Amino acid sequence: LEETGVAVVFGAAFGLSPNFRVSYATSDTALKEACERI
């Protein structure tokens, strides 16, 4: 988040690490840009 501006939820919040959750309920354009940043 701090270095790329992409906000995801860390896996420990869901009880299993090391993972993160991405919600892809947003536009294709935003998803493509976010994945390129990741």
Full PDB file with SEQRES, HELIX, SHEET, SSBOND, CRYST1, ORIGX, SCALE, CONECT and MASTER records, all heavy atoms in Angstrom:
SEQRES   1 A   38  LEU GLU GLU THR GLY VAL ALA VAL VAL PHE GLY ALA ALA          
SEQRES   2 A   38  PHE GLY LEU SER PRO ASN PHE ARG VAL SER TYR ALA THR          
SEQRES   3 A   38  SER ASP THR ALA LEU LYS GLU ALA CYS GLU ARG ILE              
HELIX    1 AA1 GLY A   11  PHE A   14  5                                   4    
HELIX    2 AA2 ASP A   28  ARG A   37  1                                  10    
SHEET    1 AA1 2 VAL A   9  PHE A  10  0                                        
SHEET    2 AA1 2 PHE A  20  ARG A  21 -1                                        
CRYST1    1.000    1.000    1.000  90.00  90.00  90.00 P 1           1          
ORIGX1      1.000000  0.000000  0.000000        0.00000                         
ORIGX2      0.000000  1.000000  0.000000        0.00000                         
ORIGX3      0.000000  0.000000  1.000000        0.00000                         
SCALE1      1.000000  0.000000  0.000000        0.00000                         
SCALE2      0.000000  1.000000  0.000000        0.00000                         
SCALE3      0.000000  0.000000  1.000000        0.00000                         
ATOM      1  N   LEU A   1       0.827  -1.206   0.000  1.00  0.00           N  
ATOM      2  CA  LEU A   1       0.000   0.000   0.000  1.00  0.00           C  
ATOM      3  C   LEU A   1       0.864   1.260   0.000  1.00  0.00           C  
ATOM      4  O   LEU A   1       0.622   2.194  -0.776  1.00  0.00           O  
ATOM      5  CB  LEU A   1      -0.933  -0.007   1.218  1.00  0.00           C  
ATOM      6  CG  LEU A   1      -1.839   1.218   1.394  1.00  0.00           C  
ATOM      7  CD1 LEU A   1      -2.730   1.419   0.169  1.00  0.00           C  
ATOM      8  CD2 LEU A   1      -2.693   1.075   2.652  1.00  0.00           C  
ATOM      9  N   GLU A   2       1.860   1.283   0.862  1.00  0.00           N  
ATOM     10  CA  GLU A   2       2.694   2.481   0.988  1.00  0.00           C  
ATOM     11  C   GLU A   2       3.560   2.726  -0.242  1.00  0.00           C  
ATOM     12  O   GLU A   2       3.774   3.873  -0.641  1.00  0.00           O  
ATOM     13  CB  GLU A   2       3.578   2.357   2.230  1.00  0.00           C  
ATOM     14  CG  GLU A   2       2.800   2.418   3.544  1.00  0.00           C  
ATOM     15  CD  GLU A   2       3.675   2.096   4.738  1.00  0.00           C  
ATOM     16  OE1 GLU A   2       4.904   1.966   4.571  1.00  0.00           O  
ATOM     17  OE2 GLU A   2       3.119   1.968   5.853  1.00  0.00           O  
ATOM     18  N   GLU A   3       4.045   1.664  -0.870  1.00  0.00           N  
ATOM     19  CA  GLU A   3       5.008   1.820  -1.966  1.00  0.00           C  
ATOM     20  C   GLU A   3       4.373   1.798  -3.352  1.00  0.00           C  
ATOM     21  O   GLU A   3       4.962   2.304  -4.307  1.00  0.00           O  
ATOM     22  CB  GLU A   3       6.080   0.725  -1.865  1.00  0.00           C  
ATOM     23  CG  GLU A   3       6.904   0.813  -0.586  1.00  0.00           C  
ATOM     24  CD  GLU A   3       7.974  -0.266  -0.474  1.00  0.00           C  
ATOM     25  OE1 GLU A   3       8.490  -0.716  -1.516  1.00  0.00           O  
ATOM     26  OE2 GLU A   3       8.274  -0.676   0.676  1.00  0.00           O  
ATOM     27  N   THR A   4       3.172   1.210  -3.474  1.00  0.00           N  
ATOM     28  CA  THR A   4       2.554   1.123  -4.801  1.00  0.00           C  
ATOM     29  C   THR A   4       1.141   1.695  -4.853  1.00  0.00           C  
ATOM     30  O   THR A   4       0.601   1.887  -5.940  1.00  0.00           O  
ATOM     31  CB  THR A   4       2.485  -0.341  -5.287  1.00  0.00           C  
ATOM     32  OG1 THR A   4       1.437  -1.037  -4.591  1.00  0.00           O  
ATOM     33  CG2 THR A   4       3.807  -1.059  -5.078  1.00  0.00           C  
ATOM     34  N   GLY A   5       0.512   1.915  -3.686  1.00  0.00           N  
ATOM     35  CA  GLY A   5      -0.851   2.412  -3.679  1.00  0.00           C  
ATOM     36  C   GLY A   5      -1.910   1.356  -3.914  1.00  0.00           C  
ATOM     37  O   GLY A   5      -3.056   1.681  -4.197  1.00  0.00           O  
ATOM     38  N   VAL A   6      -1.559   0.075  -3.790  1.00  0.00           N  
ATOM     39  CA  VAL A   6      -2.531  -1.017  -3.949  1.00  0.00           C  
ATOM     40  C   VAL A   6      -2.928  -1.526  -2.565  1.00  0.00           C  
ATOM     41  O   VAL A   6      -2.074  -1.941  -1.778  1.00  0.00           O  
ATOM     42  CB  VAL A   6      -1.965  -2.172  -4.795  1.00  0.00           C  
ATOM     43  CG1 VAL A   6      -2.954  -3.333  -4.844  1.00  0.00           C  
ATOM     44  CG2 VAL A   6      -1.643  -1.691  -6.198  1.00  0.00           C  
ATOM     45  N   ALA A   7      -4.221  -1.490  -2.279  1.00  0.00           N  
ATOM     46  CA  ALA A   7      -4.731  -1.910  -0.978  1.00  0.00           C  
ATOM     47  C   ALA A   7      -5.312  -3.313  -1.067  1.00  0.00           C  
ATOM     48  O   ALA A   7      -6.264  -3.549  -1.819  1.00  0.00           O  
ATOM     49  CB  ALA A   7      -5.794  -0.939  -0.480  1.00  0.00           C  
ATOM     50  N   VAL A   8      -4.719  -4.242  -0.321  1.00  0.00           N  
ATOM     51  CA  VAL A   8      -5.223  -5.612  -0.206  1.00  0.00           C  
ATOM     52  C   VAL A   8      -5.353  -5.927   1.281  1.00  0.00           C  
ATOM     53  O   VAL A   8      -4.902  -5.156   2.131  1.00  0.00           O  
ATOM     54  CB  VAL A   8      -4.276  -6.633  -0.886  1.00  0.00           C  
ATOM     55  CG1 VAL A   8      -4.125  -6.324  -2.375  1.00  0.00           C  
ATOM     56  CG2 VAL A   8      -2.908  -6.660  -0.201  1.00  0.00           C  
ATOM     57  N   VAL A   9      -5.962  -7.061   1.617  1.00  0.00           N  
ATOM     58  CA  VAL A   9      -6.109  -7.460   3.018  1.00  0.00           C  
ATOM     59  C   VAL A   9      -5.158  -8.614   3.305  1.00  0.00           C  
ATOM     60  O   VAL A   9      -5.126  -9.603   2.571  1.00  0.00           O  
ATOM     61  CB  VAL A   9      -7.552  -7.879   3.350  1.00  0.00           C  
ATOM     62  CG1 VAL A   9      -7.705  -8.113   4.849  1.00  0.00           C  
ATOM     63  CG2 VAL A   9      -8.543  -6.815   2.887  1.00  0.00           C  
ATOM     64  N   PHE A  10      -4.370  -8.481   4.361  1.00  0.00           N  
ATOM     65  CA  PHE A  10      -3.379  -9.504   4.706  1.00  0.00           C  
ATOM     66  C   PHE A  10      -4.035 -10.778   5.229  1.00  0.00           C  
ATOM     67  O   PHE A  10      -5.099 -10.757   5.856  1.00  0.00           O  
ATOM     68  CB  PHE A  10      -2.377  -8.956   5.724  1.00  0.00           C  
ATOM     69  CG  PHE A  10      -2.994  -8.470   7.014  1.00  0.00           C  
ATOM     70  CD1 PHE A  10      -3.103  -9.315   8.111  1.00  0.00           C  
ATOM     71  CD2 PHE A  10      -3.456  -7.166   7.125  1.00  0.00           C  
ATOM     72  CE1 PHE A  10      -3.663  -8.869   9.306  1.00  0.00           C  
ATOM     73  CE2 PHE A  10      -4.025  -6.710   8.312  1.00  0.00           C  
ATOM     74  CZ  PHE A  10      -4.130  -7.565   9.405  1.00  0.00           C  
ATOM     75  N   GLY A  11      -3.376 -11.898   4.968  1.00  0.00           N  
ATOM     76  CA  GLY A  11      -3.961 -13.195   5.251  1.00  0.00           C  
ATOM     77  C   GLY A  11      -4.206 -13.508   6.714  1.00  0.00           C  
ATOM     78  O   GLY A  11      -5.146 -14.235   7.039  1.00  0.00           O  
ATOM     79  N   ALA A  12      -3.374 -12.974   7.619  1.00  0.00           N  
ATOM     80  CA  ALA A  12      -3.551 -13.269   9.043  1.00  0.00           C  
ATOM     81  C   ALA A  12      -4.932 -12.851   9.529  1.00  0.00           C  
ATOM     82  O   ALA A  12      -5.469 -13.434  10.473  1.00  0.00           O  
ATOM     83  CB  ALA A  12      -2.465 -12.577   9.863  1.00  0.00           C  
ATOM     84  N   ALA A  13      -5.533 -11.848   8.877  1.00  0.00           N  
ATOM     85  CA  ALA A  13      -6.879 -11.414   9.251  1.00  0.00           C  
ATOM     86  C   ALA A  13      -7.909 -12.518   9.031  1.00  0.00           C  
ATOM     87  O   ALA A  13      -8.952 -12.546   9.677  1.00  0.00           O  
ATOM     88  CB  ALA A  13      -7.273 -10.182   8.428  1.00  0.00           C  
ATOM     89  N   PHE A  14      -7.599 -13.448   8.119  1.00  0.00           N  
ATOM     90  CA  PHE A  14      -8.514 -14.534   7.780  1.00  0.00           C  
ATOM     91  C   PHE A  14      -8.079 -15.868   8.392  1.00  0.00           C  
ATOM     92  O   PHE A  14      -8.659 -16.905   8.092  1.00  0.00           O  
ATOM     93  CB  PHE A  14      -8.608 -14.681   6.263  1.00  0.00           C  
ATOM     94  CG  PHE A  14      -8.993 -13.409   5.546  1.00  0.00           C  
ATOM     95  CD1 PHE A  14      -8.042 -12.642   4.905  1.00  0.00           C  
ATOM     96  CD2 PHE A  14     -10.308 -12.981   5.527  1.00  0.00           C  
ATOM     97  CE1 PHE A  14      -8.384 -11.472   4.243  1.00  0.00           C  
ATOM     98  CE2 PHE A  14     -10.671 -11.811   4.871  1.00  0.00           C  
ATOM     99  CZ  PHE A  14      -9.705 -11.050   4.229  1.00  0.00           C  
ATOM    100  N   GLY A  15      -7.059 -15.819   9.234  1.00  0.00           N  
ATOM    101  CA  GLY A  15      -6.662 -17.006   9.980  1.00  0.00           C  
ATOM    102  C   GLY A  15      -5.701 -17.933   9.287  1.00  0.00           C  
ATOM    103  O   GLY A  15      -5.419 -19.025   9.800  1.00  0.00           O  
ATOM    104  N   LEU A  16      -5.145 -17.542   8.124  1.00  0.00           N  
ATOM    105  CA  LEU A  16      -4.186 -18.411   7.433  1.00  0.00           C  
ATOM    106  C   LEU A  16      -3.154 -17.561   6.702  1.00  0.00           C  
ATOM    107  O   LEU A  16      -3.512 -16.734   5.863  1.00  0.00           O  
ATOM    108  CB  LEU A  16      -4.886 -19.338   6.442  1.00  0.00           C  
ATOM    109  CG  LEU A  16      -4.002 -20.447   5.866  1.00  0.00           C  
ATOM    110  CD1 LEU A  16      -3.805 -21.559   6.896  1.00  0.00           C  
ATOM    111  CD2 LEU A  16      -4.600 -21.038   4.593  1.00  0.00           C  
ATOM    112  N   SER A  17      -1.901 -17.777   7.027  1.00  0.00           N  
ATOM    113  CA  SER A  17      -0.789 -17.030   6.434  1.00  0.00           C  
ATOM    114  C   SER A  17       0.221 -17.998   5.829  1.00  0.00           C  
ATOM    115  O   SER A  17       0.220 -19.197   6.145  1.00  0.00           O  
ATOM    116  CB  SER A  17      -0.101 -16.193   7.521  1.00  0.00           C  
ATOM    117  OG  SER A  17      -0.977 -15.225   8.055  1.00  0.00           O  
ATOM    118  N   PRO A  18       1.142 -17.476   4.953  1.00  0.00           N  
ATOM    119  CA  PRO A  18       1.261 -16.100   4.478  1.00  0.00           C  
ATOM    120  C   PRO A  18       0.524 -15.925   3.139  1.00  0.00           C  
ATOM    121  O   PRO A  18       0.921 -16.497   2.134  1.00  0.00           O  
ATOM    122  CB  PRO A  18       2.760 -15.927   4.300  1.00  0.00           C  
ATOM    123  CG  PRO A  18       3.236 -17.301   3.878  1.00  0.00           C  
ATOM    124  CD  PRO A  18       2.312 -18.301   4.533  1.00  0.00           C  
ATOM    125  N   ASN A  19      -0.546 -15.165   3.163  1.00  0.00           N  
ATOM    126  CA  ASN A  19      -1.378 -14.937   1.989  1.00  0.00           C  
ATOM    127  C   ASN A  19      -1.890 -13.503   2.012  1.00  0.00           C  
ATOM    128  O   ASN A  19      -1.680 -12.777   2.984  1.00  0.00           O  
ATOM    129  CB  ASN A  19      -2.575 -15.890   1.971  1.00  0.00           C  
ATOM    130  CG  ASN A  19      -2.192 -17.351   1.883  1.00  0.00           C  
ATOM    131  OD1 ASN A  19      -1.718 -17.939   2.852  1.00  0.00           O  
ATOM    132  ND2 ASN A  19      -2.406 -17.948   0.740  1.00  0.00           N  
ATOM    133  N   PHE A  20      -2.598 -13.123   0.962  1.00  0.00           N  
ATOM    134  CA  PHE A  20      -3.377 -11.894   1.000  1.00  0.00           C  
ATOM    135  C   PHE A  20      -4.620 -12.082   0.146  1.00  0.00           C  
ATOM    136  O   PHE A  20      -4.655 -12.949  -0.722  1.00  0.00           O  
ATOM    137  CB  PHE A  20      -2.555 -10.670   0.552  1.00  0.00           C  
ATOM    138  CG  PHE A  20      -2.104 -10.678  -0.886  1.00  0.00           C  
ATOM    139  CD1 PHE A  20      -2.850 -10.036  -1.875  1.00  0.00           C  
ATOM    140  CD2 PHE A  20      -0.905 -11.285  -1.264  1.00  0.00           C  
ATOM    141  CE1 PHE A  20      -2.428 -10.021  -3.195  1.00  0.00           C  
ATOM    142  CE2 PHE A  20      -0.475 -11.277  -2.579  1.00  0.00           C  
ATOM    143  CZ  PHE A  20      -1.238 -10.644  -3.555  1.00  0.00           C  
ATOM    144  N   ARG A  21      -5.641 -11.260   0.444  1.00  0.00           N  
ATOM    145  CA  ARG A  21      -6.885 -11.371  -0.314  1.00  0.00           C  
ATOM    146  C   ARG A  21      -7.032 -10.189  -1.259  1.00  0.00           C  
ATOM    147  O   ARG A  21      -6.820  -9.039  -0.869  1.00  0.00           O  
ATOM    148  CB  ARG A  21      -8.101 -11.398   0.615  1.00  0.00           C  
ATOM    149  CG  ARG A  21      -9.408 -11.728  -0.109  1.00  0.00           C  
ATOM    150  CD  ARG A  21     -10.639 -11.469   0.742  1.00  0.00           C  
ATOM    151  NE  ARG A  21     -10.961 -10.048   0.830  1.00  0.00           N  
ATOM    152  CZ  ARG A  21     -12.069  -9.555   1.387  1.00  0.00           C  
ATOM    153  NH1 ARG A  21     -12.952 -10.376   1.934  1.00  0.00           N  
ATOM    154  NH2 ARG A  21     -12.282  -8.258   1.424  1.00  0.00           N  
ATOM    155  N   VAL A  22      -7.390 -10.513  -2.491  1.00  0.00           N  
ATOM    156  CA  VAL A  22      -7.740  -9.509  -3.484  1.00  0.00           C  
ATOM    157  C   VAL A  22      -9.212  -9.665  -3.816  1.00  0.00           C  
ATOM    158  O   VAL A  22      -9.679 -10.773  -4.097  1.00  0.00           O  
ATOM    159  CB  VAL A  22      -6.904  -9.685  -4.773  1.00  0.00           C  
ATOM    160  CG1 VAL A  22      -7.526  -8.901  -5.928  1.00  0.00           C  
ATOM    161  CG2 VAL A  22      -5.465  -9.236  -4.549  1.00  0.00           C  
ATOM    162  N   SER A  23      -9.951  -8.568  -3.760  1.00  0.00           N  
ATOM    163  CA  SER A  23     -11.317  -8.549  -4.290  1.00  0.00           C  
ATOM    164  C   SER A  23     -11.241  -8.038  -5.718  1.00  0.00           C  
ATOM    165  O   SER A  23     -10.762  -6.923  -5.958  1.00  0.00           O  
ATOM    166  CB  SER A  23     -12.218  -7.638  -3.445  1.00  0.00           C  
ATOM    167  OG  SER A  23     -13.445  -7.413  -4.117  1.00  0.00           O  
ATOM    168  N   TYR A  24     -11.716  -8.855  -6.668  1.00  0.00           N  
ATOM    169  CA  TYR A  24     -11.664  -8.420  -8.068  1.00  0.00           C  
ATOM    170  C   TYR A  24     -13.022  -7.881  -8.533  1.00  0.00           C  
ATOM    171  O   TYR A  24     -13.333  -7.865  -9.727  1.00  0.00           O  
ATOM    172  CB  TYR A  24     -11.150  -9.529  -8.994  1.00  0.00           C  
ATOM    173  CG  TYR A  24     -11.835 -10.868  -8.908  1.00  0.00           C  
ATOM    174  CD1 TYR A  24     -12.998 -11.123  -9.616  1.00  0.00           C  
ATOM    175  CD2 TYR A  24     -11.281 -11.901  -8.150  1.00  0.00           C  
ATOM    176  CE1 TYR A  24     -13.608 -12.367  -9.568  1.00  0.00           C  
ATOM    177  CE2 TYR A  24     -11.891 -13.148  -8.089  1.00  0.00           C  
ATOM    178  CZ  TYR A  24     -13.052 -13.376  -8.799  1.00  0.00           C  
ATOM    179  OH  TYR A  24     -13.649 -14.597  -8.750  1.00  0.00           O  
ATOM    180  N   ALA A  25     -13.812  -7.382  -7.573  1.00  0.00           N  
ATOM    181  CA  ALA A  25     -15.098  -6.779  -7.903  1.00  0.00           C  
ATOM    182  C   ALA A  25     -14.908  -5.304  -8.250  1.00  0.00           C  
ATOM    183  O   ALA A  25     -15.506  -4.414  -7.643  1.00  0.00           O  
ATOM    184  CB  ALA A  25     -16.068  -6.932  -6.743  1.00  0.00           C  
ATOM    185  N   THR A  26     -14.041  -5.057  -9.221  1.00  0.00           N  
ATOM    186  CA  THR A  26     -13.808  -3.706  -9.711  1.00  0.00           C  
ATOM    187  C   THR A  26     -13.465  -3.793 -11.192  1.00  0.00           C  
ATOM    188  O   THR A  26     -13.440  -4.886 -11.759  1.00  0.00           O  
ATOM    189  CB  THR A  26     -12.697  -3.014  -8.894  1.00  0.00           C  
ATOM    190  OG1 THR A  26     -12.643  -1.632  -9.245  1.00  0.00           O  
ATOM    191  CG2 THR A  26     -11.340  -3.660  -9.127  1.00  0.00           C  
ATOM    192  N   SER A  27     -13.178  -2.666 -11.817  1.00  0.00           N  
ATOM    193  CA  SER A  27     -13.033  -2.644 -13.271  1.00  0.00           C  
ATOM    194  C   SER A  27     -11.794  -3.395 -13.755  1.00  0.00           C  
ATOM    195  O   SER A  27     -10.789  -3.509 -13.043  1.00  0.00           O  
ATOM    196  CB  SER A  27     -12.940  -1.196 -13.756  1.00  0.00           C  
ATOM    197  OG  SER A  27     -11.703  -0.620 -13.395  1.00  0.00           O  
ATOM    198  N   ASP A  28     -11.866  -3.897 -14.997  1.00  0.00           N  
ATOM    199  CA  ASP A  28     -10.731  -4.580 -15.602  1.00  0.00           C  
ATOM    200  C   ASP A  28      -9.501  -3.666 -15.631  1.00  0.00           C  
ATOM    201  O   ASP A  28      -8.375  -4.106 -15.395  1.00  0.00           O  
ATOM    202  CB  ASP A  28     -11.068  -5.015 -17.032  1.00  0.00           C  
ATOM    203  CG  ASP A  28     -12.150  -6.080 -17.093  1.00  0.00           C  
ATOM    204  OD1 ASP A  28     -13.158  -5.944 -16.367  1.00  0.00           O  
ATOM    205  OD2 ASP A  28     -11.991  -7.047 -17.857  1.00  0.00           O  
ATOM    206  N   THR A  29      -9.730  -2.387 -15.932  1.00  0.00           N  
ATOM    207  CA  THR A  29      -8.623  -1.428 -16.019  1.00  0.00           C  
ATOM    208  C   THR A  29      -7.907  -1.295 -14.687  1.00  0.00           C  
ATOM    209  O   THR A  29      -6.669  -1.341 -14.621  1.00  0.00           O  
ATOM    210  CB  THR A  29      -9.148  -0.050 -16.467  1.00  0.00           C  
ATOM    211  OG1 THR A  29      -9.806  -0.187 -17.725  1.00  0.00           O  
ATOM    212  CG2 THR A  29      -8.010   0.943 -16.594  1.00  0.00           C  
ATOM    213  N   ALA A  30      -8.694  -1.155 -13.598  1.00  0.00           N  
ATOM    214  CA  ALA A  30      -8.097  -1.027 -12.266  1.00  0.00           C  
ATOM    215  C   ALA A  30      -7.377  -2.306 -11.865  1.00  0.00           C  
ATOM    216  O   ALA A  30      -6.285  -2.268 -11.277  1.00  0.00           O  
ATOM    217  CB  ALA A  30      -9.178  -0.681 -11.247  1.00  0.00           C  
ATOM    218  N   LEU A  31      -7.967  -3.453 -12.189  1.00  0.00           N  
ATOM    219  CA  LEU A  31      -7.343  -4.730 -11.840  1.00  0.00           C  
ATOM    220  C   LEU A  31      -6.022  -4.924 -12.577  1.00  0.00           C  
ATOM    221  O   LEU A  31      -5.026  -5.367 -11.989  1.00  0.00           O  
ATOM    222  CB  LEU A  31      -8.293  -5.882 -12.156  1.00  0.00           C  
ATOM    223  CG  LEU A  31      -9.544  -5.982 -11.273  1.00  0.00           C  
ATOM    224  CD1 LEU A  31     -10.509  -7.025 -11.825  1.00  0.00           C  
ATOM    225  CD2 LEU A  31      -9.171  -6.314  -9.834  1.00  0.00           C  
ATOM    226  N   LYS A  32      -6.016  -4.589 -13.848  1.00  0.00           N  
ATOM    227  CA  LYS A  32      -4.791  -4.750 -14.639  1.00  0.00           C  
ATOM    228  C   LYS A  32      -3.679  -3.860 -14.091  1.00  0.00           C  
ATOM    229  O   LYS A  32      -2.542  -4.310 -13.898  1.00  0.00           O  
ATOM    230  CB  LYS A  32      -5.055  -4.413 -16.110  1.00  0.00           C  
ATOM    231  CG  LYS A  32      -3.914  -4.728 -17.065  1.00  0.00           C  
ATOM    232  CD  LYS A  32      -4.366  -4.577 -18.514  1.00  0.00           C  
ATOM    233  CE  LYS A  32      -3.267  -4.982 -19.496  1.00  0.00           C  
ATOM    234  NZ  LYS A  32      -2.091  -4.109 -19.425  1.00  0.00           N  
ATOM    235  N   GLU A  33      -4.006  -2.607 -13.798  1.00  0.00           N  
ATOM    236  CA  GLU A  33      -3.003  -1.679 -13.256  1.00  0.00           C  
ATOM    237  C   GLU A  33      -2.519  -2.153 -11.883  1.00  0.00           C  
ATOM    238  O   GLU A  33      -1.315  -2.127 -11.595  1.00  0.00           O  
ATOM    239  CB  GLU A  33      -3.605  -0.280 -13.148  1.00  0.00           C  
ATOM    240  CG  GLU A  33      -2.721   0.742 -12.433  1.00  0.00           C  
ATOM    241  CD  GLU A  33      -1.397   1.010 -13.123  1.00  0.00           C  
ATOM    242  OE1 GLU A  33      -1.304   0.806 -14.361  1.00  0.00           O  
ATOM    243  OE2 GLU A  33      -0.435   1.407 -12.429  1.00  0.00           O  
ATOM    244  N   ALA A  34      -3.450  -2.612 -11.033  1.00  0.00           N  
ATOM    245  CA  ALA A  34      -3.075  -3.088  -9.701  1.00  0.00           C  
ATOM    246  C   ALA A  34      -2.145  -4.288  -9.789  1.00  0.00           C  
ATOM    247  O   ALA A  34      -1.141  -4.374  -9.071  1.00  0.00           O  
ATOM    248  CB  ALA A  34      -4.325  -3.444  -8.900  1.00  0.00           C  
ATOM    249  N   CYS A  35      -2.469  -5.233 -10.671  1.00  0.00           N  
ATOM    250  CA  CYS A  35      -1.635  -6.430 -10.811  1.00  0.00           C  
ATOM    251  C   CYS A  35      -0.258  -6.088 -11.366  1.00  0.00           C  
ATOM    252  O   CYS A  35       0.749  -6.697 -10.968  1.00  0.00           O  
ATOM    253  CB  CYS A  35      -2.338  -7.464 -11.690  1.00  0.00           C  
ATOM    254  SG  CYS A  35      -3.757  -8.252 -10.903  1.00  0.00           S  
ATOM    255  N   GLU A  36      -0.187  -5.118 -12.258  1.00  0.00           N  
ATOM    256  CA  GLU A  36       1.123  -4.688 -12.773  1.00  0.00           C  
ATOM    257  C   GLU A  36       1.963  -4.075 -11.656  1.00  0.00           C  
ATOM    258  O   GLU A  36       3.175  -4.307 -11.567  1.00  0.00           O  
ATOM    259  CB  GLU A  36       0.933  -3.687 -13.913  1.00  0.00           C  
ATOM    260  CG  GLU A  36       0.441  -4.338 -15.208  1.00  0.00           C  
ATOM    261  CD  GLU A  36       0.114  -3.325 -16.292  1.00  0.00           C  
ATOM    262  OE1 GLU A  36       0.081  -2.098 -15.983  1.00  0.00           O  
ATOM    263  OE2 GLU A  36      -0.133  -3.752 -17.449  1.00  0.00           O  
ATOM    264  N   ARG A  37       1.319  -3.308 -10.772  1.00  0.00           N  
ATOM    265  CA  ARG A  37       2.035  -2.732  -9.620  1.00  0.00           C  
ATOM    266  C   ARG A  37       2.520  -3.829  -8.677  1.00  0.00           C  
ATOM    267  O   ARG A  37       3.630  -3.761  -8.153  1.00  0.00           O  
ATOM    268  CB  ARG A  37       1.127  -1.756  -8.873  1.00  0.00           C  
ATOM    269  CG  ARG A  37       0.752  -0.510  -9.656  1.00  0.00           C  
ATOM    270  CD  ARG A  37      -0.045   0.451  -8.780  1.00  0.00           C  
ATOM    271  NE  ARG A  37      -0.648   1.519  -9.553  1.00  0.00           N  
ATOM    272  CZ  ARG A  37      -1.347   2.534  -9.025  1.00  0.00           C  
ATOM    273  NH1 ARG A  37      -1.522   2.587  -7.707  1.00  0.00           N  
ATOM    274  NH2 ARG A  37      -1.869   3.474  -9.795  1.00  0.00           N  
ATOM    275  N   ILE A  38       1.667  -4.837  -8.455  1.00  0.00           N  
ATOM    276  CA  ILE A  38       2.071  -5.956  -7.594  1.00  0.00           C  
ATOM    277  C   ILE A  38       3.249  -6.704  -8.215  1.00  0.00           C  
ATOM    278  O   ILE A  38       4.196  -7.089  -7.519  1.00  0.00           O  
ATOM    279  CB  ILE A  38       0.879  -6.907  -7.343  1.00  0.00           C  
ATOM    280  CG1 ILE A  38      -0.197  -6.203  -6.513  1.00  0.00           C  
ATOM    281  CG2 ILE A  38       1.342  -8.181  -6.630  1.00  0.00           C  
ATOM    282  CD1 ILE A  38      -1.506  -6.970  -6.396  1.00  0.00           C  
TER     283      ILE A  38                                                      
MASTER        0    0    0    2    2    0    0    6  282    1    0    3          
END                                                                             
